[in-house]
Amino acid sequence: MGFSIALIVFSLLLMLLVLMHKGKGGGLSDMFGGGMQSSVGGSSVAERNLDRITLVVGLLWFACIVVLGILMKVNN
């Protein structure tokens, strides 16, 4: 039961994090000001941290799916 709740939380968090990423040419992130070009031209620290957090949450999401699959196979 705990892994099912964790999967729901990680799914919602991952969806939010993906929508927060800077858009490359139009999309949902443009609604929040993501379409504006930065004057520096490189990745900011906040963007790199967002990438790292998204990667970690994605790996946790994948791990939850694998664990739930193993638990379902063992229980049947």
C-alpha atoms as a PDB file:
ATOM      1  CA  MET A   1       0.000   0.000   0.000  1.00  0.00           C
ATOM      2  CA  GLY A   2       2.846   2.365   0.826  1.00  0.00           C
ATOM      3  CA  PHE A   3       4.493   1.947  -2.569  1.00  0.00           C
ATOM      4  CA  SER A   4       1.190   2.704  -4.321  1.00  0.00           C
ATOM      5  CA  ILE A   5       0.882   5.994  -2.450  1.00  0.00           C
ATOM      6  CA  ALA A   6       4.543   6.787  -3.141  1.00  0.00           C
ATOM      7  CA  LEU A   7       3.972   6.089  -6.847  1.00  0.00           C
ATOM      8  CA  ILE A   8       1.044   8.530  -6.938  1.00  0.00           C
ATOM      9  CA  VAL A   9       3.061  11.215  -5.124  1.00  0.00           C
ATOM     10  CA  PHE A  10       6.125  10.721  -7.361  1.00  0.00           C
ATOM     11  CA  SER A  11       3.921  10.768 -10.487  1.00  0.00           C
ATOM     12  CA  LEU A  12       2.348  14.095  -9.548  1.00  0.00           C
ATOM     13  CA  LEU A  13       5.700  15.556  -8.528  1.00  0.00           C
ATOM     14  CA  LEU A  14       7.348  14.393 -11.749  1.00  0.00           C
ATOM     15  CA  MET A  15       4.544  15.910 -13.815  1.00  0.00           C
ATOM     16  CA  LEU A  16       4.955  19.229 -11.985  1.00  0.00           C
ATOM     17  CA  LEU A  17       8.734  19.214 -12.413  1.00  0.00           C
ATOM     18  CA  VAL A  18       8.531  18.462 -16.136  1.00  0.00           C
ATOM     19  CA  LEU A  19       6.075  21.317 -16.642  1.00  0.00           C
ATOM     20  CA  MET A  20       8.429  23.682 -14.800  1.00  0.00           C
ATOM     21  CA  HIS A  21      11.275  23.101 -17.276  1.00  0.00           C
ATOM     22  CA  LYS A  22      12.170  25.828 -19.706  1.00  0.00           C
ATOM     23  CA  GLY A  23      10.482  25.403 -23.060  1.00  0.00           C
ATOM     24  CA  LYS A  24      12.527  25.082 -26.220  1.00  0.00           C
ATOM     25  CA  GLY A  25       9.944  26.577 -28.526  1.00  0.00           C
ATOM     26  CA  GLY A  26       6.437  26.770 -27.212  1.00  0.00           C
ATOM     27  CA  GLY A  27       4.345  24.675 -24.923  1.00  0.00           C
ATOM     28  CA  LEU A  28       2.921  24.733 -21.458  1.00  0.00           C
ATOM     29  CA  SER A  29       6.031  26.310 -19.951  1.00  0.00           C
ATOM     30  CA  ASP A  30       5.443  29.436 -22.071  1.00  0.00           C
ATOM     31  CA  MET A  31       2.330  30.147 -20.021  1.00  0.00           C
ATOM     32  CA  PHE A  32       4.547  30.644 -16.965  1.00  0.00           C
ATOM     33  CA  GLY A  33       7.174  32.792 -18.661  1.00  0.00           C
ATOM     34  CA  GLY A  34       9.442  29.943 -19.748  1.00  0.00           C
ATOM     35  CA  GLY A  35       9.552  31.191 -23.323  1.00  0.00           C
ATOM     36  CA  MET A  36      11.650  34.252 -22.498  1.00  0.00           C
ATOM     37  CA  GLN A  37      15.300  33.975 -23.468  1.00  0.00           C
ATOM     38  CA  SER A  38      17.892  34.652 -20.799  1.00  0.00           C
ATOM     39  CA  SER A  39      20.522  37.268 -21.525  1.00  0.00           C
ATOM     40  CA  VAL A  40      23.338  35.020 -20.278  1.00  0.00           C
ATOM     41  CA  GLY A  41      22.631  32.265 -22.790  1.00  0.00           C
ATOM     42  CA  GLY A  42      23.721  29.404 -20.519  1.00  0.00           C
ATOM     43  CA  SER A  43      22.025  27.215 -17.978  1.00  0.00           C
ATOM     44  CA  SER A  44      21.485  28.842 -14.643  1.00  0.00           C
ATOM     45  CA  VAL A  45      22.070  27.124 -11.340  1.00  0.00           C
ATOM     46  CA  ALA A  46      18.324  26.871 -10.795  1.00  0.00           C
ATOM     47  CA  GLU A  47      17.832  25.098 -14.145  1.00  0.00           C
ATOM     48  CA  ARG A  48      20.630  22.627 -13.406  1.00  0.00           C
ATOM     49  CA  ASN A  49      19.182  21.915  -9.960  1.00  0.00           C
ATOM     50  CA  LEU A  50      15.737  21.443 -11.496  1.00  0.00           C
ATOM     51  CA  ASP A  51      17.266  18.948 -13.933  1.00  0.00           C
ATOM     52  CA  ARG A  52      18.903  17.050 -11.073  1.00  0.00           C
ATOM     53  CA  ILE A  53      15.736  16.982  -8.972  1.00  0.00           C
ATOM     54  CA  THR A  54      13.707  15.791 -11.963  1.00  0.00           C
ATOM     55  CA  LEU A  55      16.214  13.003 -12.607  1.00  0.00           C
ATOM     56  CA  VAL A  56      16.137  11.837  -8.976  1.00  0.00           C
ATOM     57  CA  VAL A  57      12.327  11.885  -8.833  1.00  0.00           C
ATOM     58  CA  GLY A  58      12.194  10.012 -12.141  1.00  0.00           C
ATOM     59  CA  LEU A  59      14.527   7.314 -10.808  1.00  0.00           C
ATOM     60  CA  LEU A  60      12.448   7.002  -7.620  1.00  0.00           C
ATOM     61  CA  TRP A  61       9.290   6.748  -9.744  1.00  0.00           C
ATOM     62  CA  PHE A  62      10.875   3.964 -11.804  1.00  0.00           C
ATOM     63  CA  ALA A  63      12.034   2.155  -8.643  1.00  0.00           C
ATOM     64  CA  CYS A  64       8.483   2.276  -7.239  1.00  0.00           C
ATOM     65  CA  ILE A  65       7.129   0.709 -10.428  1.00  0.00           C
ATOM     66  CA  VAL A  66       9.732  -2.074 -10.301  1.00  0.00           C
ATOM     67  CA  VAL A  67       9.051  -2.794  -6.612  1.00  0.00           C
ATOM     68  CA  LEU A  68       5.285  -2.811  -7.177  1.00  0.00           C
ATOM     69  CA  GLY A  69       5.739  -5.222 -10.096  1.00  0.00           C
ATOM     70  CA  ILE A  70       7.855  -7.566  -7.966  1.00  0.00           C
ATOM     71  CA  LEU A  71       5.371  -7.403  -5.089  1.00  0.00           C
ATOM     72  CA  MET A  72       2.468  -8.182  -7.407  1.00  0.00           C
ATOM     73  CA  LYS A  73       4.335 -11.151  -8.890  1.00  0.00           C
ATOM     74  CA  VAL A  74       5.250 -12.528  -5.442  1.00  0.00           C
ATOM     75  CA  ASN A  75       1.717 -12.104  -4.056  1.00  0.00           C
ATOM     76  CA  ASN A  76       0.052 -13.975  -6.930  1.00  0.00           C
END
